[in-house]
Amino acid sequence: MRAVLLFFAVVAAIATSSVANAQGRGCSAVLNNINDAAALIEQSATTYWAHRANFVDLIYGPSSQVVPNAVQVAEQEKSAADVEKKAMPGRVNSLKGLLTAFNAQGCDPSLLLVTFEPAIKHGKRVNFDQFPPESELEEQAGPGPTRMPR
């Protein structure tokens, strides 16, 4: 009887560890996909804004006077930016789906070392064509004086 009990205890321990290892492998695979998707969104957003800046410079900036075929080059920049913009909703939705899969598998949230909110925010800015705020680099000014000096 003791041998049978010991046998079942060993089988249960092996089964538990193999399930934990399988879950760990599944979580790490999803985690790698999350990191890749977030990096792709960041890279795509950077590429999009570079093309947009080049487009604006070629149409309204000093390059419009220097580049002989500025209008054609600007259209090429706009087309390249549009390609990035069209792909962005799918990339953001893919990242959200991966995050849902990560949570559904019961993975440990502390494994998410990279913050994915900025990637989603940058993707939405590209979707709605909202330039990244430049004020992040500046300090916020405090409230002015309560009363004008005399």
Protein backbone atom coordinates (compact mmCIF):
# COMPACT_ATOMS: atom_id res chain seq x y z
CA MET A 1 0.00 0.00 0.00
CA ARG A 2 2.85 2.35 0.84
CA ALA A 3 4.52 1.63 -2.48
CA VAL A 4 1.31 2.44 -4.37
CA LEU A 5 0.88 5.71 -2.43
CA LEU A 6 4.51 6.65 -3.08
CA PHE A 7 4.09 5.80 -6.76
CA PHE A 8 1.04 8.09 -7.11
CA ALA A 9 2.81 10.89 -5.24
CA VAL A 10 5.76 10.69 -7.66
CA VAL A 11 3.46 10.62 -10.71
CA ALA A 12 1.52 13.63 -9.38
CA ALA A 13 4.74 15.58 -8.79
CA ILE A 14 6.03 14.83 -12.28
CA ALA A 15 2.68 15.76 -13.86
CA THR A 16 2.53 19.04 -11.91
CA SER A 17 6.05 20.05 -12.92
CA SER A 18 5.46 19.19 -16.58
CA VAL A 19 2.27 21.30 -16.63
CA ALA A 20 4.15 24.20 -15.02
CA ASN A 21 6.96 23.87 -17.58
CA ALA A 22 4.46 23.80 -20.45
CA GLN A 23 2.73 26.91 -19.09
CA GLY A 24 6.10 28.63 -18.67
CA ARG A 25 7.03 27.86 -22.27
CA GLY A 26 3.66 29.13 -23.48
CA CYS A 27 4.01 32.32 -21.45
CA SER A 28 7.52 32.94 -22.68
CA ALA A 29 6.46 32.46 -26.30
CA VAL A 30 3.58 34.92 -25.90
CA LEU A 31 5.87 37.30 -24.02
CA ASN A 32 8.40 37.21 -26.88
CA ASN A 33 5.59 37.92 -29.34
CA ILE A 34 4.41 40.85 -27.18
CA ASN A 35 7.91 42.32 -27.11
CA ASP A 36 8.27 41.88 -30.87
CA ALA A 37 4.88 43.46 -31.57
CA ALA A 38 5.60 46.45 -29.30
CA ALA A 39 9.00 46.97 -30.95
CA LEU A 40 7.42 46.76 -34.41
CA ILE A 41 4.82 49.38 -33.49
CA GLU A 42 7.50 51.72 -32.11
CA GLN A 43 9.66 51.25 -35.21
CA SER A 44 6.71 51.73 -37.54
CA ALA A 45 5.59 54.89 -35.73
CA THR A 46 9.11 56.33 -35.93
CA THR A 47 9.27 55.54 -39.64
CA TYR A 48 5.83 57.09 -40.20
CA TRP A 49 6.75 60.35 -38.46
CA ALA A 50 10.05 60.55 -40.37
CA HIS A 51 8.17 60.25 -43.68
CA ARG A 52 5.61 62.82 -42.53
CA ALA A 53 8.34 65.26 -41.50
CA ASN A 54 10.06 64.82 -44.87
CA PHE A 55 6.73 65.37 -46.65
CA VAL A 56 6.03 68.59 -44.75
CA ASP A 57 9.58 69.82 -45.35
CA LEU A 58 9.35 69.08 -49.07
CA ILE A 59 6.02 70.86 -49.43
CA TYR A 60 6.34 73.81 -47.03
CA GLY A 61 9.92 73.88 -45.81
CA PRO A 62 13.22 75.02 -47.27
CA SER A 63 13.59 71.77 -49.22
CA SER A 64 10.75 72.87 -51.49
CA GLN A 65 13.08 75.52 -52.92
CA VAL A 66 16.19 73.31 -53.07
CA VAL A 67 14.98 69.94 -54.34
CA PRO A 68 14.22 70.20 -58.08
CA ASN A 69 11.38 67.63 -58.07
CA ALA A 70 10.13 68.32 -54.55
CA VAL A 71 6.49 67.59 -55.37
CA GLN A 72 7.23 64.10 -56.69
CA VAL A 73 9.55 63.29 -53.78
CA ALA A 74 6.91 64.60 -51.36
CA GLU A 75 4.32 62.29 -52.91
CA GLN A 76 6.72 59.36 -52.50
CA GLU A 77 7.18 60.27 -48.84
CA LYS A 78 3.41 60.53 -48.40
CA SER A 79 2.90 57.13 -50.02
CA ALA A 80 5.52 55.55 -47.76
CA ALA A 81 3.85 57.13 -44.72
CA ASP A 82 0.44 55.87 -45.85
CA VAL A 83 1.75 52.29 -46.01
CA GLU A 84 2.86 52.53 -42.38
CA LYS A 85 -0.42 54.16 -41.36
CA LYS A 86 -2.56 51.46 -43.02
CA ALA A 87 -0.69 48.68 -41.22
CA MET A 88 -0.86 50.31 -37.78
CA PRO A 89 -4.43 49.36 -36.70
CA GLY A 90 -3.69 45.69 -37.33
CA ARG A 91 -0.45 45.90 -35.39
CA VAL A 92 -2.11 47.57 -32.41
CA ASN A 93 -4.94 45.02 -32.45
CA SER A 94 -2.40 42.20 -32.66
CA LEU A 95 -0.61 43.55 -29.59
CA LYS A 96 -3.89 43.81 -27.70
CA GLY A 97 -4.74 40.23 -28.69
CA LEU A 98 -1.37 39.00 -27.48
CA LEU A 99 -1.92 40.76 -24.17
CA THR A 100 -5.32 39.09 -23.87
CA ALA A 101 -3.73 35.69 -24.61
CA PHE A 102 -1.03 36.40 -22.02
CA ASN A 103 -3.67 37.09 -19.37
CA ALA A 104 -5.89 34.19 -20.47
CA GLN A 105 -3.03 31.71 -20.03
CA GLY A 106 -2.67 32.84 -16.45
CA CYS A 107 0.86 34.11 -16.97
CA ASP A 108 2.54 36.12 -14.24
CA PRO A 109 2.02 39.86 -14.98
CA SER A 110 5.41 40.65 -13.45
CA LEU A 111 6.96 38.98 -16.52
CA LEU A 112 5.88 41.97 -18.61
CA LEU A 113 9.13 43.86 -18.28
CA VAL A 114 8.45 46.12 -21.22
CA THR A 115 5.63 48.60 -20.89
CA PHE A 116 3.32 48.25 -23.82
CA GLU A 117 1.09 51.29 -23.20
CA PRO A 118 3.44 53.69 -25.03
CA ALA A 119 3.42 51.41 -28.07
CA ILE A 120 -0.38 51.40 -28.13
CA LYS A 121 -0.44 55.18 -27.64
CA HIS A 122 2.03 55.74 -30.49
CA GLY A 123 0.00 53.45 -32.72
CA LYS A 124 -3.16 55.43 -31.99
CA ARG A 125 -1.36 58.71 -32.70
CA VAL A 126 -0.36 57.37 -36.11
CA ASN A 127 -3.93 56.20 -36.76
CA PHE A 128 -5.36 59.64 -35.97
CA ASP A 129 -2.41 61.56 -37.43
CA GLN A 130 -1.66 63.32 -34.15
CA PHE A 131 1.92 64.55 -34.00
CA PRO A 132 3.83 63.38 -30.94
CA PRO A 133 3.80 66.06 -28.25
CA GLU A 134 6.99 68.08 -28.04
CA SER A 135 6.12 69.28 -24.55
CA GLU A 136 7.38 66.02 -23.01
CA LEU A 137 10.88 67.44 -23.16
CA GLU A 138 9.92 70.75 -21.57
CA GLU A 139 9.09 71.45 -17.96
CA GLN A 140 5.57 72.42 -17.09
CA ALA A 141 5.25 76.02 -16.01
CA GLY A 142 3.51 76.60 -12.72
CA PRO A 143 0.53 78.86 -12.27
CA GLY A 144 1.15 82.56 -12.72
CA PRO A 145 1.02 85.13 -9.98
CA THR A 146 -2.28 85.51 -8.19
CA ARG A 147 -2.31 89.23 -8.89
CA MET A 148 -0.43 91.41 -11.29
CA PRO A 149 2.31 93.47 -9.59
CA ARG A 150 1.86 97.29 -9.47
